[in-house]
Structures are given as C-alpha cells and as structure tokens.
Amino acid sequence: MPEHVSILQLMGVAVLAVATVIWVVGLSRLLRRARTEAAVRHHGRVLRAIPRQRRSGPAAETVELTPEERAAFAGLVRQFSDSRP
C-alpha cells in the first residue's frame, strides 16, 4: 500500500469498482431480457399501433344481371384478355 494514499481513498476506489461491476451485470441482464422479449413479440404479437381488424366484413352486395348485361360483360372480358400478351 502506497504511503501517500489514505485508507478512505483506497476504500473509495474499491466501492467504485464494486459499483461498476454491479452496474455492468445489471445492464447486461436488462439488455438480455429486452432482447428476449423483443424476439417473443416479433414472433407472436401484432403491433399495438395498428387497430384490430374486424373479423367479418360488411354484407356482400349482389346485383342480378340481365342476359344482355352478361353478354356485354363477357365481351369486355374477351376484349381485355385478347389485348394481353
């Protein structure tokens, strides 16, 4: 032990060293826990910022077509399918 260093200074260094070790251990545990929770959230949960989707949509609307309208629609479908490469 050096003669010009007091006991209080040596104890202060020891206390700071122990506090540093405790802080590093606590920080590593905190980061490990956060990483594990993030992995669980990534695999199993949806984002909280996105509102929940409805399970059922609105009632489907249907319109009965006349034979002329069906023929016109079929003609449009043929026209569009012929113009595609």
C-alpha atoms as a PDB file:
ATOM      1  CA  MET A   1       0.000   0.000   0.000  1.00  0.00           C
ATOM      2  CA  PRO A   2       1.480   3.353  -1.015  1.00  0.00           C
ATOM      3  CA  GLU A   3       2.257   5.661   1.899  1.00  0.00           C
ATOM      4  CA  HIS A   4       0.727   8.797   0.387  1.00  0.00           C
ATOM      5  CA  VAL A   5      -2.741   7.194  -0.223  1.00  0.00           C
ATOM      6  CA  SER A   6      -5.173   7.190   2.677  1.00  0.00           C
ATOM      7  CA  ILE A   7      -7.414   4.288   3.682  1.00  0.00           C
ATOM      8  CA  LEU A   8     -10.505   6.296   2.680  1.00  0.00           C
ATOM      9  CA  GLN A   9      -9.144   6.763  -0.841  1.00  0.00           C
ATOM     10  CA  LEU A  10      -8.472   3.033  -1.156  1.00  0.00           C
ATOM     11  CA  MET A  11     -11.967   2.226   0.127  1.00  0.00           C
ATOM     12  CA  GLY A  12     -13.439   4.737  -2.345  1.00  0.00           C
ATOM     13  CA  VAL A  13     -11.700   3.020  -5.251  1.00  0.00           C
ATOM     14  CA  ALA A  14     -12.898  -0.374  -4.030  1.00  0.00           C
ATOM     15  CA  VAL A  15     -16.503   0.857  -3.649  1.00  0.00           C
ATOM     16  CA  LEU A  16     -16.436   2.394  -7.138  1.00  0.00           C
ATOM     17  CA  ALA A  17     -15.059  -0.846  -8.583  1.00  0.00           C
ATOM     18  CA  VAL A  18     -17.808  -2.917  -6.918  1.00  0.00           C
ATOM     19  CA  ALA A  19     -20.479  -0.438  -8.042  1.00  0.00           C
ATOM     20  CA  THR A  20     -19.167  -0.629 -11.603  1.00  0.00           C
ATOM     21  CA  VAL A  21     -19.289  -4.411 -11.606  1.00  0.00           C
ATOM     22  CA  ILE A  22     -22.848  -4.405 -10.234  1.00  0.00           C
ATOM     23  CA  TRP A  23     -23.903  -1.827 -12.831  1.00  0.00           C
ATOM     24  CA  VAL A  24     -22.404  -3.840 -15.721  1.00  0.00           C
ATOM     25  CA  VAL A  25     -24.077  -7.054 -14.539  1.00  0.00           C
ATOM     26  CA  GLY A  26     -27.444  -5.298 -14.141  1.00  0.00           C
ATOM     27  CA  LEU A  27     -27.191  -3.648 -17.547  1.00  0.00           C
ATOM     28  CA  SER A  28     -26.326  -6.919 -19.268  1.00  0.00           C
ATOM     29  CA  ARG A  29     -29.295  -8.668 -17.651  1.00  0.00           C
ATOM     30  CA  LEU A  30     -31.606  -5.822 -18.652  1.00  0.00           C
ATOM     31  CA  LEU A  31     -30.420  -5.906 -22.265  1.00  0.00           C
ATOM     32  CA  ARG A  32     -30.692  -9.692 -22.432  1.00  0.00           C
ATOM     33  CA  ARG A  33     -34.261  -9.560 -21.082  1.00  0.00           C
ATOM     34  CA  ALA A  34     -35.221  -6.831 -23.561  1.00  0.00           C
ATOM     35  CA  ARG A  35     -33.754  -8.847 -26.453  1.00  0.00           C
ATOM     36  CA  THR A  36     -35.691 -11.956 -25.383  1.00  0.00           C
ATOM     37  CA  GLU A  37     -38.965 -10.031 -25.037  1.00  0.00           C
ATOM     38  CA  ALA A  38     -38.448  -8.400 -28.429  1.00  0.00           C
ATOM     39  CA  ALA A  39     -37.956 -11.817 -30.030  1.00  0.00           C
ATOM     40  CA  VAL A  40     -41.161 -13.099 -28.430  1.00  0.00           C
ATOM     41  CA  ARG A  41     -43.081 -10.005 -29.532  1.00  0.00           C
ATOM     42  CA  HIS A  42     -41.686 -10.294 -33.032  1.00  0.00           C
ATOM     43  CA  HIS A  43     -42.958 -13.848 -33.440  1.00  0.00           C
ATOM     44  CA  GLY A  44     -46.284 -13.801 -31.663  1.00  0.00           C
ATOM     45  CA  ARG A  45     -47.905 -10.412 -31.430  1.00  0.00           C
ATOM     46  CA  VAL A  46     -49.281  -7.725 -33.673  1.00  0.00           C
ATOM     47  CA  LEU A  47     -48.279  -4.101 -33.393  1.00  0.00           C
ATOM     48  CA  ARG A  48     -50.250  -2.121 -30.852  1.00  0.00           C
ATOM     49  CA  ALA A  49     -50.349   0.941 -33.094  1.00  0.00           C
ATOM     50  CA  ILE A  50     -52.443  -0.886 -35.676  1.00  0.00           C
ATOM     51  CA  PRO A  51     -56.129  -1.095 -34.730  1.00  0.00           C
ATOM     52  CA  ARG A  52     -57.692  -4.522 -34.549  1.00  0.00           C
ATOM     53  CA  GLN A  53     -59.242  -5.740 -37.746  1.00  0.00           C
ATOM     54  CA  ARG A  54     -62.868  -6.761 -37.845  1.00  0.00           C
ATOM     55  CA  ARG A  55     -63.398 -10.498 -38.233  1.00  0.00           C
ATOM     56  CA  SER A  56     -66.357 -10.109 -40.555  1.00  0.00           C
ATOM     57  CA  GLY A  57     -66.684  -7.605 -43.337  1.00  0.00           C
ATOM     58  CA  PRO A  58     -69.762  -5.763 -44.443  1.00  0.00           C
ATOM     59  CA  ALA A  59     -72.585  -7.698 -46.030  1.00  0.00           C
ATOM     60  CA  ALA A  60     -71.835  -8.631 -49.618  1.00  0.00           C
ATOM     61  CA  GLU A  61     -73.884  -6.793 -52.194  1.00  0.00           C
ATOM     62  CA  THR A  62     -75.040  -8.649 -55.280  1.00  0.00           C
ATOM     63  CA  VAL A  63     -76.844  -7.460 -58.353  1.00  0.00           C
ATOM     64  CA  GLU A  64     -78.604  -9.755 -60.775  1.00  0.00           C
ATOM     65  CA  LEU A  65     -77.519  -9.103 -64.360  1.00  0.00           C
ATOM     66  CA  THR A  66     -79.800  -9.371 -67.324  1.00  0.00           C
ATOM     67  CA  PRO A  67     -78.745 -11.681 -70.181  1.00  0.00           C
ATOM     68  CA  GLU A  68     -77.763  -8.623 -72.256  1.00  0.00           C
ATOM     69  CA  GLU A  69     -75.566  -7.300 -69.453  1.00  0.00           C
ATOM     70  CA  ARG A  70     -73.919 -10.708 -69.018  1.00  0.00           C
ATOM     71  CA  ALA A  71     -73.184 -10.855 -72.749  1.00  0.00           C
ATOM     72  CA  ALA A  72     -71.744  -7.337 -72.688  1.00  0.00           C
ATOM     73  CA  PHE A  73     -69.559  -8.222 -69.681  1.00  0.00           C
ATOM     74  CA  ALA A  74     -68.347 -11.401 -71.374  1.00  0.00           C
ATOM     75  CA  GLY A  75     -67.478  -9.330 -74.459  1.00  0.00           C
ATOM     76  CA  LEU A  76     -65.436  -6.930 -72.318  1.00  0.00           C
ATOM     77  CA  VAL A  77     -63.596  -9.807 -70.678  1.00  0.00           C
ATOM     78  CA  ARG A  78     -62.748 -11.295 -74.084  1.00  0.00           C
ATOM     79  CA  GLN A  79     -61.626  -7.900 -75.362  1.00  0.00           C
ATOM     80  CA  PHE A  80     -59.290  -7.353 -72.396  1.00  0.00           C
ATOM     81  CA  SER A  81     -57.925 -10.890 -72.467  1.00  0.00           C
ATOM     82  CA  ASP A  82     -57.174 -10.650 -76.214  1.00  0.00           C
ATOM     83  CA  SER A  83     -55.170  -7.446 -75.745  1.00  0.00           C
ATOM     84  CA  ARG A  84     -52.901  -9.020 -73.124  1.00  0.00           C
ATOM     85  CA  PRO A  85     -49.627 -10.531 -74.346  1.00  0.00           C
END
